[in-house]
Amino acid sequence: MKFGMFFELQLPRPWLPGDEQTLYSNALEWIEIADRVGFDVAWAQEHHFLEEYSHSTAPEVFLAACSQRTKRIRLGHGITLMPPAYNHPARVAERIGALDLVSRGRVEWGTGESSSRIELEGFGVDYIEKRAMWAETVREAAKMMSCDPYPGFSGQYFSMPSRNIVPKPVQKPHPPMWVACTNRDTMKLAARLGLGALTFAFMDGNEAKYWVEEYYEIFRNECQPIGRTVNPNIAMLMGLMVHPDSATAHARGDEGQRFFAYALAHYYRFGSHRPGRTNIWEEFKQAPDFPMAGHAGIGNPDEVREAFEKFEHAGVDQLIVLQQAARYPHEHICESLELFGAEVLPAFREREIERERKKQEELAPYIQRALERIPPIDDQEVPVVDAYPKFWEKNKLVEPATLSPRRQVGAEAIWRMMVGGVNRK
């Protein structure tokens, strides 16, 4: 089983000057430790307006910084919000391509549709239409990374003419694709579309086994890839706080895991939020019995190893650990990561190479069958795009006076910039 880490970048109130700067600086140190001790992937989220719960709004910027401080750990953009009001698919393709270049081919491309009201309505995204938006843009962004040029598209939620999207990613045809899954329905969708399932839902080993078996059954029999290749993997989220003394680990970690669950529920389930005014931390302190999420990774090394082996036996491909939540002190996070790398990771690492070999051997015919279902992109004549002065001349729109009054001002400005006031006739 592989291991990832999870950068939600939580920052409960009250906020002091410099707190966000410190949080980001500390997070860069955590990923340096993770790279050194043997973590496989670092996942950074894209969220907007989720004060206290997530200050990770520009993961491509954070991950680019991570790429220059690490050597081997893969960088998970998990997730990219795909409705066009958040991110035009061409901009997604460009950013993922650039990140793959600066990281020398280490990107994992996670996608998602978003689901909190405060985010969706902040960008004017229709809750009912968001799944269809996600599907349309994910399919086309994958084409953009792999086509030279992209043939263009006229769709329901976005349209654009033929363009060559650059830069292209190192990994061909594009980085491994994932989708965020918070329930079984989205997990099954991931399997049908040939996507890795980022199951950001806490569960025990027995439930995990059921999800894994269902995911791979669907992948083997129903996969119709949405991308230009497939990524059959299932990952699950779990908390983490390791200390030689179990009681100390829980004293350090339990409150943070409870706050993570509470703040998540605040935005997605029961909360009433006043932007810039609501204090989630204070509300959380009034709910001391709120249940903890992801407790299996809290304890001494032996306890954590035993708990995580249940997910390994269930067939989970990657366990993503939430190493930071709420008010975890920086030094506690660093100590936990170091201890986890020294006393928990090695046993899993020894088994992972053989597990992955057997998995690829068993899935090979199903992967091949899925790849054969990817529709080809037909060659077509690439249209010519003339610069504005040439376009206007060809179409007898040389003089701004021929345009409507509303457009004359802009046309005059473009002429002055592009032709320097030369005779336009």
Protein backbone atom coordinates (compact mmCIF):
# COMPACT_ATOMS: atom_id res chain seq x y z
CA MET A 1 0.00 0.00 0.00
CA LYS A 2 1.22 3.48 -0.87
CA PHE A 3 0.93 6.49 1.44
CA GLY A 4 -0.10 10.03 0.67
CA MET A 5 -0.37 13.15 2.80
CA PHE A 6 -3.24 15.63 2.78
CA PHE A 7 -2.82 19.42 2.71
CA GLU A 8 -6.10 21.06 3.68
CA LEU A 9 -4.13 23.85 5.41
CA GLN A 10 -6.49 24.46 8.31
CA LEU A 11 -6.27 27.67 10.31
CA PRO A 12 -8.80 28.07 13.14
CA ARG A 13 -9.53 31.52 14.53
CA PRO A 14 -8.33 33.74 16.08
CA TRP A 15 -5.88 34.78 13.34
CA LEU A 16 -2.79 36.73 14.23
CA PRO A 17 -0.70 38.70 11.73
CA GLY A 18 1.55 36.33 9.82
CA ASP A 19 -0.39 33.15 10.67
CA GLU A 20 -1.07 32.23 7.04
CA GLN A 21 2.56 32.86 6.13
CA THR A 22 3.67 30.59 8.96
CA LEU A 23 1.18 27.89 7.96
CA TYR A 24 2.44 27.77 4.38
CA SER A 25 6.08 27.85 5.47
CA ASN A 26 5.49 24.99 7.91
CA ALA A 27 3.65 22.99 5.24
CA LEU A 28 6.69 23.20 2.96
CA GLU A 29 8.77 21.74 5.79
CA TRP A 30 6.28 18.90 6.26
CA ILE A 31 6.54 17.90 2.62
CA GLU A 32 10.34 17.96 2.79
CA ILE A 33 10.15 15.50 5.69
CA ALA A 34 7.60 13.35 3.85
CA ASP A 35 9.80 13.21 0.75
CA ARG A 36 12.78 12.16 2.83
CA VAL A 37 11.05 9.48 4.93
CA GLY A 38 9.26 7.77 2.05
CA PHE A 39 5.74 9.11 1.48
CA ASP A 40 4.51 8.53 -2.07
CA VAL A 41 2.16 11.45 -2.79
CA ALA A 42 1.34 14.89 -1.41
CA TRP A 43 -2.26 15.93 -2.09
CA ALA A 44 -3.16 19.64 -1.99
CA GLN A 45 -6.81 20.67 -2.21
CA GLU A 46 -8.56 23.46 -4.10
CA HIS A 47 -11.19 25.13 -1.96
CA HIS A 48 -12.55 28.67 -1.85
CA PHE A 49 -14.04 30.77 0.96
CA LEU A 50 -13.89 27.89 3.49
CA GLU A 51 -12.42 29.96 6.31
CA GLU A 52 -10.67 27.97 9.06
CA TYR A 53 -11.42 24.63 7.36
CA SER A 54 -9.20 25.09 4.30
CA HIS A 55 -6.84 27.88 3.27
CA SER A 56 -5.63 25.85 0.28
CA THR A 57 -7.02 27.95 -2.57
CA ALA A 58 -4.17 27.79 -5.12
CA PRO A 59 -2.74 24.27 -4.90
CA GLU A 60 -0.84 24.60 -8.16
CA VAL A 61 1.20 27.42 -6.60
CA PHE A 62 1.85 25.49 -3.40
CA LEU A 63 2.74 22.30 -5.29
CA ALA A 64 5.09 24.18 -7.61
CA ALA A 65 6.96 25.36 -4.52
CA CYS A 66 6.92 21.78 -3.20
CA SER A 67 8.38 20.52 -6.47
CA GLN A 68 11.53 22.56 -5.90
CA ARG A 69 12.01 21.28 -2.35
CA THR A 70 11.54 17.57 -3.05
CA LYS A 71 13.03 14.89 -5.27
CA ARG A 72 10.76 11.86 -5.46
CA ILE A 73 7.35 12.41 -3.84
CA ARG A 74 4.53 12.76 -6.36
CA LEU A 75 2.42 15.92 -6.31
CA GLY A 76 -1.33 15.47 -6.22
CA HIS A 77 -3.48 18.36 -7.41
CA GLY A 78 -6.37 16.88 -5.54
CA ILE A 79 -8.62 18.27 -6.54
CA THR A 80 -8.99 20.69 -9.43
CA LEU A 81 -12.50 22.15 -9.42
CA MET A 82 -13.68 21.58 -12.98
CA PRO A 83 -16.91 23.60 -13.54
CA PRO A 84 -15.81 26.34 -15.97
CA ALA A 85 -16.77 29.19 -13.64
CA TYR A 86 -14.00 27.95 -11.32
CA ASN A 87 -11.43 27.03 -13.96
CA HIS A 88 -11.69 27.09 -17.74
CA PRO A 89 -10.54 23.64 -18.95
CA ALA A 90 -7.81 25.17 -21.13
CA ARG A 91 -6.38 26.90 -18.05
CA VAL A 92 -6.51 23.60 -16.16
CA ALA A 93 -4.61 21.86 -18.98
CA GLU A 94 -2.01 24.62 -19.07
CA ARG A 95 -1.45 24.63 -15.32
CA ILE A 96 -1.25 20.84 -15.00
CA GLY A 97 1.16 20.74 -17.93
CA ALA A 98 3.38 23.42 -16.41
CA LEU A 99 3.33 21.75 -12.98
CA ASP A 100 4.29 18.42 -14.55
CA LEU A 101 7.25 20.12 -16.24
CA VAL A 102 8.61 21.90 -13.17
CA SER A 103 8.20 18.70 -11.11
CA ARG A 104 9.82 16.52 -13.78
CA GLY A 105 6.76 14.38 -14.35
CA ARG A 106 5.48 13.88 -10.80
CA VAL A 107 1.89 15.19 -11.05
CA GLU A 108 -1.25 13.27 -10.10
CA TRP A 109 -4.27 15.10 -11.51
CA GLY A 110 -7.28 14.98 -9.22
CA THR A 111 -10.60 16.45 -10.36
CA GLY A 112 -13.91 17.28 -8.75
CA GLU A 113 -17.19 19.12 -9.16
CA SER A 114 -17.45 20.93 -5.78
CA SER A 115 -20.40 20.63 -3.44
CA SER A 116 -20.51 23.34 -0.76
CA ARG A 117 -23.04 26.12 -1.27
CA ILE A 118 -20.62 28.84 -0.21
CA GLU A 119 -18.21 27.83 -2.99
CA LEU A 120 -20.68 26.98 -5.75
CA GLU A 121 -22.78 30.12 -5.43
CA GLY A 122 -19.68 32.25 -4.93
CA PHE A 123 -18.74 31.38 -8.51
CA GLY A 124 -22.26 31.14 -9.88
CA VAL A 125 -22.19 27.37 -10.43
CA ASP A 126 -25.55 25.59 -10.67
CA TYR A 127 -25.69 22.77 -8.11
CA ILE A 128 -27.92 20.65 -10.34
CA GLU A 129 -25.65 21.03 -13.39
CA LYS A 130 -22.26 20.64 -11.73
CA ARG A 131 -21.84 16.89 -12.40
CA ALA A 132 -22.48 17.40 -16.11
CA MET A 133 -20.08 20.37 -16.12
CA TRP A 134 -17.42 18.22 -14.51
CA ALA A 135 -17.80 15.41 -17.05
CA GLU A 136 -17.69 17.74 -20.06
CA THR A 137 -14.65 19.68 -18.91
CA VAL A 138 -12.64 16.69 -17.62
CA ARG A 139 -13.00 14.88 -20.93
CA GLU A 140 -11.96 17.94 -22.93
CA ALA A 141 -9.08 18.99 -20.65
CA ALA A 142 -7.59 15.51 -21.03
CA LYS A 143 -7.79 15.93 -24.81
CA MET A 144 -6.16 19.34 -24.58
CA MET A 145 -3.11 17.86 -22.87
CA SER A 146 -2.74 15.10 -25.43
CA CYS A 147 -3.79 16.67 -28.77
CA ASP A 148 -1.52 18.72 -31.04
CA PRO A 149 -3.54 20.81 -31.67
CA TYR A 150 -6.76 20.49 -29.71
CA PRO A 151 -9.50 20.36 -32.36
CA GLY A 152 -11.92 22.64 -30.52
CA PHE A 153 -15.25 21.95 -28.92
CA SER A 154 -18.81 23.24 -28.90
CA GLY A 155 -20.54 22.04 -25.76
CA GLN A 156 -23.27 22.79 -23.30
CA TYR A 157 -21.08 24.44 -20.66
CA PHE A 158 -18.09 25.75 -22.59
CA SER A 159 -16.97 26.13 -26.18
CA MET A 160 -13.69 27.12 -27.77
CA PRO A 161 -12.11 26.99 -31.24
CA SER A 162 -9.14 24.87 -32.21
CA ARG A 163 -6.00 25.86 -30.32
CA ASN A 164 -2.75 24.16 -29.37
CA ILE A 165 -2.62 24.12 -25.58
CA VAL A 166 0.95 24.46 -24.31
CA PRO A 167 2.98 23.45 -22.45
CA LYS A 168 2.32 19.74 -22.73
CA PRO A 169 2.89 17.57 -19.62
CA VAL A 170 5.88 15.24 -19.31
CA GLN A 171 3.63 12.24 -18.66
CA LYS A 172 1.86 10.97 -21.76
CA PRO A 173 -0.89 11.23 -22.71
CA HIS A 174 -1.48 13.16 -19.47
CA PRO A 175 -0.83 12.69 -15.73
CA PRO A 176 -2.81 9.98 -13.89
CA MET A 177 -6.40 11.14 -13.38
CA TRP A 178 -8.44 10.90 -10.19
CA VAL A 179 -11.82 12.13 -8.98
CA ALA A 180 -12.97 13.05 -5.48
CA CYS A 181 -15.45 10.51 -4.08
CA THR A 182 -17.40 11.15 -0.91
CA ASN A 183 -19.93 8.34 -1.37
CA ARG A 184 -20.36 5.02 -3.15
CA ASP A 185 -22.09 6.56 -6.15
CA THR A 186 -19.10 8.73 -7.07
CA MET A 187 -16.75 5.82 -6.32
CA LYS A 188 -18.66 3.68 -8.82
CA LEU A 189 -18.57 6.53 -11.34
CA ALA A 190 -14.79 6.70 -10.96
CA ALA A 191 -14.49 2.99 -11.77
CA ARG A 192 -16.76 3.27 -14.83
CA LEU A 193 -14.73 6.17 -16.20
CA GLY A 194 -11.29 4.69 -15.53
CA LEU A 195 -10.37 7.25 -12.87
CA GLY A 196 -8.58 6.79 -9.58
CA ALA A 197 -11.04 7.15 -6.68
CA LEU A 198 -10.01 9.67 -4.04
CA THR A 199 -12.46 8.49 -1.39
CA PHE A 200 -12.38 11.37 1.06
CA ALA A 201 -14.65 9.49 3.45
CA PHE A 202 -13.45 8.01 6.71
CA MET A 203 -14.23 4.32 7.20
CA ASP A 204 -12.89 1.18 8.85
CA GLY A 205 -11.09 -1.70 7.18
CA ASN A 206 -14.21 -3.85 6.72
CA GLU A 207 -16.10 -1.10 4.91
CA ALA A 208 -12.99 -0.28 2.90
CA LYS A 209 -12.83 -3.86 1.63
CA TYR A 210 -16.38 -3.61 0.32
CA TRP A 211 -15.60 -0.34 -1.52
CA VAL A 212 -12.43 -1.77 -3.04
CA GLU A 213 -14.11 -4.94 -4.29
CA GLU A 214 -16.98 -2.98 -5.82
CA TYR A 215 -14.62 -0.49 -7.48
CA TYR A 216 -12.52 -3.15 -9.20
CA GLU A 217 -15.54 -5.24 -10.20
CA ILE A 218 -16.98 -2.24 -12.02
CA PHE A 219 -13.62 -1.33 -13.55
CA ARG A 220 -13.13 -4.83 -14.96
CA ASN A 221 -16.59 -5.05 -16.51
CA GLU A 222 -17.85 -1.56 -17.29
CA CYS A 223 -14.92 0.83 -17.80
CA GLN A 224 -15.40 3.41 -20.55
CA PRO A 225 -12.52 5.88 -20.04
CA ILE A 226 -13.25 9.58 -19.84
CA GLY A 227 -9.56 10.39 -20.28
CA ARG A 228 -7.00 9.22 -22.82
CA THR A 229 -5.77 6.46 -20.51
CA VAL A 230 -6.88 4.80 -17.24
CA ASN A 231 -5.76 4.94 -13.62
CA PRO A 232 -7.31 2.02 -11.66
CA ASN A 233 -6.55 2.96 -8.05
CA ILE A 234 -8.52 3.61 -4.91
CA ALA A 235 -7.26 5.86 -2.12
CA MET A 236 -8.75 6.52 1.31
CA LEU A 237 -8.30 9.22 3.94
CA MET A 238 -7.25 8.69 7.55
CA GLY A 239 -5.97 10.91 10.35
CA LEU A 240 -2.41 10.74 11.65
CA MET A 241 -0.65 11.56 14.89
CA VAL A 242 2.08 9.15 16.01
CA HIS A 243 3.97 9.23 19.30
CA PRO A 244 5.84 6.52 21.24
CA ASP A 245 3.21 6.87 23.98
CA SER A 246 -0.33 6.17 22.82
CA ALA A 247 -1.97 8.46 25.38
CA THR A 248 0.23 11.34 24.25
CA ALA A 249 -0.64 10.68 20.61
CA HIS A 250 -4.34 10.93 21.42
CA ALA A 251 -3.87 14.00 23.60
CA ARG A 252 -2.15 15.65 20.64
CA GLY A 253 -4.35 14.37 17.84
CA ASP A 254 -7.93 13.73 18.89
CA GLU A 255 -9.12 17.34 19.08
CA GLY A 256 -7.73 18.16 15.64
CA GLN A 257 -9.49 15.21 14.05
CA ARG A 258 -12.76 16.19 15.70
CA PHE A 259 -12.36 19.78 14.46
CA PHE A 260 -11.69 18.54 10.93
CA ALA A 261 -14.97 16.61 10.99
CA TYR A 262 -16.87 19.50 12.60
CA ALA A 263 -15.63 22.18 10.20
CA LEU A 264 -16.36 19.92 7.24
CA ALA A 265 -19.90 19.39 8.48
CA HIS A 266 -20.28 23.13 9.11
CA TYR A 267 -19.79 23.93 5.44
CA TYR A 268 -21.36 20.85 3.91
CA ARG A 269 -24.11 19.74 6.27
CA PHE A 270 -25.45 21.83 9.15
CA GLY A 271 -23.66 25.18 9.35
CA SER A 272 -24.92 28.75 8.94
CA HIS A 273 -21.95 30.85 7.88
CA ARG A 274 -21.45 34.60 7.90
CA PRO A 275 -18.31 35.27 5.79
CA GLY A 276 -15.56 36.98 7.73
CA ARG A 277 -17.59 36.87 10.96
CA THR A 278 -18.44 33.29 11.92
CA ASN A 279 -15.93 31.73 14.33
CA ILE A 280 -16.04 28.00 13.64
CA TRP A 281 -13.43 27.22 16.28
CA GLU A 282 -15.52 28.83 19.02
CA GLU A 283 -18.63 26.99 17.83
CA PHE A 284 -16.65 23.75 17.80
CA LYS A 285 -15.56 24.29 21.41
CA GLN A 286 -19.23 24.31 22.36
CA ALA A 287 -19.63 20.79 20.92
CA PRO A 288 -17.21 18.69 23.00
CA ASP A 289 -18.90 15.41 22.12
CA PHE A 290 -18.70 15.87 18.36
CA PRO A 291 -17.43 12.53 16.93
CA MET A 292 -13.84 12.17 15.79
CA ALA A 293 -13.00 11.20 12.21
CA GLY A 294 -10.07 9.11 11.06
CA HIS A 295 -8.89 7.96 14.47
CA ALA A 296 -7.15 4.77 13.24
CA GLY A 297 -3.92 6.65 12.56
CA ILE A 298 -3.60 8.06 16.06
CA GLY A 299 -1.49 6.12 18.55
CA ASN A 300 1.94 4.59 18.99
CA PRO A 301 3.75 3.07 15.98
CA ASP A 302 2.55 -0.47 16.67
CA GLU A 303 -1.08 0.62 16.97
CA VAL A 304 -0.95 2.71 13.81
CA ARG A 305 0.81 -0.03 11.86
CA GLU A 306 -1.79 -2.60 12.92
CA ALA A 307 -4.68 -0.28 12.09
CA PHE A 308 -3.29 0.58 8.65
CA GLU A 309 -2.60 -3.06 7.81
CA LYS A 310 -6.37 -3.60 7.84
CA PHE A 311 -6.65 -1.19 4.91
CA GLU A 312 -3.75 -2.90 3.17
CA HIS A 313 -5.47 -6.27 3.54
CA ALA A 314 -8.69 -4.70 2.23
CA GLY A 315 -6.88 -3.92 -1.02
CA VAL A 316 -6.66 -0.14 -0.65
CA ASP A 317 -4.01 1.14 -3.06
CA GLN A 318 -3.14 4.31 -1.17
CA LEU A 319 -3.87 5.56 2.32
CA ILE A 320 -3.83 9.36 2.51
CA VAL A 321 -3.09 10.68 5.99
CA LEU A 322 -4.32 13.95 7.42
CA GLN A 323 -1.16 15.02 9.19
CA GLN A 324 -2.37 18.54 10.09
CA ALA A 325 -5.70 19.61 11.52
CA ALA A 326 -6.94 22.47 13.67
CA ARG A 327 -4.23 23.66 16.08
CA TYR A 328 -1.63 20.91 15.79
CA PRO A 329 1.71 22.49 16.79
CA HIS A 330 4.29 22.42 14.01
CA GLU A 331 6.79 20.47 16.09
CA HIS A 332 4.22 17.75 16.87
CA ILE A 333 3.51 17.29 13.15
CA CYS A 334 7.21 17.04 12.36
CA GLU A 335 7.79 14.50 15.16
CA SER A 336 4.82 12.43 14.01
CA LEU A 337 5.97 12.35 10.38
CA GLU A 338 9.52 11.39 11.36
CA LEU A 339 8.34 8.58 13.63
CA PHE A 340 5.85 7.32 11.06
CA GLY A 341 8.59 7.22 8.44
CA ALA A 342 11.01 5.42 10.72
CA GLU A 343 8.76 2.83 12.37
CA VAL A 344 5.60 2.37 10.27
CA LEU A 345 6.35 2.96 6.61
CA PRO A 346 9.19 0.45 6.09
CA ALA A 347 7.04 -2.66 6.58
CA PHE A 348 4.54 -1.47 3.99
CA ARG A 349 7.26 -0.44 1.58
CA GLU A 350 8.71 -3.96 1.51
CA ARG A 351 5.36 -5.41 0.45
CA GLU A 352 4.30 -2.68 -1.95
CA ILE A 353 6.56 -3.52 -4.88
CA GLU A 354 5.32 -7.10 -5.10
CA ARG A 355 1.69 -6.07 -4.52
CA GLU A 356 1.86 -3.56 -7.37
CA ARG A 357 3.47 -6.10 -9.71
CA LYS A 358 0.72 -8.65 -9.08
CA LYS A 359 -1.98 -6.03 -9.44
CA GLN A 360 -0.72 -4.83 -12.82
CA GLU A 361 -0.39 -8.40 -14.05
CA GLU A 362 -3.96 -9.26 -13.01
CA LEU A 363 -5.47 -6.06 -14.44
CA ALA A 364 -3.53 -6.02 -17.71
CA PRO A 365 -6.27 -7.56 -19.92
CA TYR A 366 -8.95 -5.32 -18.40
CA ILE A 367 -6.80 -2.22 -18.85
CA GLN A 368 -6.19 -3.16 -22.48
CA ARG A 369 -9.91 -3.67 -23.05
CA ALA A 370 -10.65 -0.26 -21.51
CA LEU A 371 -8.00 1.47 -23.64
CA GLU A 372 -9.55 0.01 -26.77
CA ARG A 373 -12.81 1.79 -25.86
CA ILE A 374 -11.25 5.25 -25.96
CA PRO A 375 -12.66 6.95 -29.07
CA PRO A 376 -10.03 8.24 -31.50
CA ILE A 377 -9.74 11.95 -32.18
CA ASP A 378 -10.17 12.39 -35.91
CA ASP A 379 -7.62 14.40 -37.85
CA GLN A 380 -9.07 17.54 -39.31
CA GLU A 381 -7.84 20.59 -41.11
CA VAL A 382 -6.34 23.07 -38.68
CA PRO A 383 -7.98 26.47 -39.21
CA VAL A 384 -5.94 29.60 -39.84
CA VAL A 385 -6.24 32.40 -37.28
CA ASP A 386 -5.23 35.78 -38.71
CA ALA A 387 -4.00 38.60 -36.49
CA TYR A 388 -6.63 41.29 -36.04
CA PRO A 389 -5.32 43.78 -38.64
CA LYS A 390 -5.13 41.05 -41.30
CA PHE A 391 -8.51 39.63 -40.26
CA TRP A 392 -10.16 43.04 -40.50
CA GLU A 393 -8.58 43.70 -43.87
CA LYS A 394 -9.72 40.34 -45.27
CA ASN A 395 -13.23 40.95 -44.04
CA LYS A 396 -13.35 44.62 -45.11
CA LEU A 397 -13.49 45.79 -41.52
CA VAL A 398 -10.28 47.81 -41.75
CA GLU A 399 -11.75 51.14 -40.70
CA PRO A 400 -13.15 51.32 -37.15
CA ALA A 401 -15.80 53.63 -38.54
CA THR A 402 -17.40 50.57 -40.16
CA LEU A 403 -18.03 49.08 -36.74
CA SER A 404 -20.86 49.84 -34.36
CA PRO A 405 -20.28 52.89 -32.13
CA ARG A 406 -19.90 50.64 -29.06
CA ARG A 407 -16.91 48.84 -30.63
CA GLN A 408 -15.18 51.77 -32.33
CA VAL A 409 -13.21 52.85 -29.25
CA GLY A 410 -11.74 49.40 -28.72
CA ALA A 411 -10.94 48.96 -32.39
CA GLU A 412 -9.10 52.30 -32.54
CA ALA A 413 -7.02 51.30 -29.51
CA ILE A 414 -6.07 47.96 -31.07
CA TRP A 415 -5.07 49.70 -34.31
CA ARG A 416 -2.82 52.14 -32.48
CA MET A 417 -1.17 49.33 -30.56
CA MET A 418 -0.70 46.89 -33.45
CA VAL A 419 0.06 49.06 -36.45
CA GLY A 420 1.43 52.16 -34.78
CA GLY A 421 -0.81 54.57 -36.64
CA VAL A 422 0.34 53.58 -40.13
CA ASN A 423 -1.97 54.13 -43.08
CA ARG A 424 -4.75 51.57 -42.71
CA LYS A 425 -6.05 51.78 -46.27
